[in-house]
Amino acid sequence: MEFCEGCFEKQLNIDSLLEENKRLKARLIYQERKEEDGFFGSGTPSAKIPVKSNTPLKIAKPKGARPGHNGSGREKIKQADADRILDYFPICFRQMS
């Protein structure tokens, strides 16, 4: 089966376009995968992974005790209820104040 000269040129052109199409599709798949996986591919550290657009924002809770909370510390006793009273600071600190 022989082709005429015009048909042969057209077939060569079709074959080259099919090869280019195949190469470009492979390149597109590579770029999409690279974009999806990140810069380092599947070995991307978690700190380098960009935040997803559908991730809800985290609202920080206030720190410390809540207003109106009594706490759970040790209660102070009255001087009258104490068995004895010790002077905590040494004499040199009393003279400075």
Protein backbone atom coordinates (compact mmCIF):
# COMPACT_ATOMS: atom_id res chain seq x y z
CA MET A 1 0.00 0.00 0.00
CA GLU A 2 1.60 3.20 -1.15
CA PHE A 3 0.60 6.73 -0.31
CA CYS A 4 0.64 9.62 -2.68
CA GLU A 5 3.12 12.36 -1.85
CA GLY A 6 0.48 14.72 -0.39
CA CYS A 7 -1.07 11.97 1.77
CA PHE A 8 2.36 10.93 3.05
CA GLU A 9 3.13 14.52 4.16
CA LYS A 10 -0.25 14.75 5.87
CA GLN A 11 0.35 11.46 7.71
CA LEU A 12 3.79 12.65 8.90
CA ASN A 13 2.18 15.86 10.15
CA ILE A 14 -0.55 13.90 11.95
CA ASP A 15 2.02 11.59 13.58
CA SER A 16 4.14 14.53 14.80
CA LEU A 17 1.05 16.29 16.20
CA LEU A 18 -0.03 13.11 18.01
CA GLU A 19 3.44 12.79 19.58
CA GLU A 20 3.38 16.45 20.64
CA ASN A 21 -0.11 16.02 22.12
CA LYS A 22 1.04 12.96 24.08
CA ARG A 23 4.13 14.81 25.39
CA LEU A 24 2.10 17.88 26.42
CA LYS A 25 -0.51 15.75 28.23
CA ALA A 26 2.26 14.02 30.20
CA ARG A 27 3.75 17.40 31.10
CA LEU A 28 0.34 18.71 32.20
CA ILE A 29 -0.23 15.66 34.43
CA TYR A 30 3.23 16.18 35.95
CA GLN A 31 2.54 19.86 36.70
CA GLU A 32 -0.89 19.11 38.21
CA ARG A 33 0.59 16.40 40.43
CA LYS A 34 3.45 18.65 41.50
CA GLU A 35 0.98 21.42 42.38
CA GLU A 36 -1.18 18.98 44.36
CA ASP A 37 1.69 17.30 46.23
CA GLY A 38 3.67 20.47 46.95
CA PHE A 39 7.26 21.45 46.26
CA PHE A 40 8.86 18.35 47.75
CA GLY A 41 6.29 15.89 46.38
CA SER A 42 5.01 13.26 48.79
CA GLY A 43 7.96 14.03 51.12
CA THR A 44 6.76 17.57 51.88
CA PRO A 45 7.22 18.41 55.58
CA SER A 46 3.98 19.26 57.35
CA ALA A 47 5.24 22.76 58.15
CA LYS A 48 5.66 23.48 54.42
CA ILE A 49 2.19 22.27 53.35
CA PRO A 50 0.07 25.31 52.44
CA VAL A 51 -3.20 25.85 54.31
CA LYS A 52 -6.17 24.48 52.41
CA SER A 53 -8.84 26.98 51.35
CA ASN A 54 -11.63 25.02 53.08
CA THR A 55 -9.87 24.86 56.48
CA PRO A 56 -11.93 26.66 59.16
CA LEU A 57 -10.15 29.40 61.07
CA LYS A 58 -9.25 28.54 64.65
CA ILE A 59 -10.34 31.09 67.24
CA ALA A 60 -8.02 31.25 70.23
CA LYS A 61 -9.63 30.78 73.63
CA PRO A 62 -8.84 33.39 76.30
CA LYS A 63 -6.08 32.37 78.68
CA GLY A 64 -6.19 32.31 82.46
CA ALA A 65 -9.00 32.05 84.96
CA ARG A 66 -12.53 32.93 83.88
CA PRO A 67 -14.27 35.92 85.45
CA GLY A 68 -16.22 34.93 88.57
CA HIS A 69 -14.21 31.74 89.15
CA ASN A 70 -13.32 31.30 92.84
CA GLY A 71 -10.27 29.21 92.20
CA SER A 72 -9.09 26.15 94.07
CA GLY A 73 -6.13 27.48 96.05
CA ARG A 74 -5.38 27.15 99.74
CA GLU A 75 -7.55 29.31 101.95
CA LYS A 76 -5.99 31.78 104.40
CA ILE A 77 -6.64 31.30 108.10
CA LYS A 78 -7.34 34.06 110.57
CA GLN A 79 -4.66 35.07 113.07
CA ALA A 80 -6.97 34.13 115.92
CA ASP A 81 -7.23 30.54 114.64
CA ALA A 82 -3.45 30.09 114.22
CA ASP A 83 -1.51 28.01 116.80
CA ARG A 84 1.55 30.23 116.42
CA ILE A 85 2.74 33.06 114.20
CA LEU A 86 6.26 33.01 112.75
CA ASP A 87 8.02 36.06 111.44
CA TYR A 88 9.10 35.10 107.93
CA PHE A 89 11.59 37.85 107.02
CA PRO A 90 14.97 38.00 108.75
CA ILE A 91 15.92 41.05 110.78
CA CYS A 92 18.04 42.62 107.98
CA PHE A 93 15.01 42.88 105.67
CA ARG A 94 12.89 44.52 108.39
CA GLN A 95 15.50 47.23 108.88
CA MET A 96 15.58 48.08 105.15
CA SER A 97 11.84 48.68 104.88
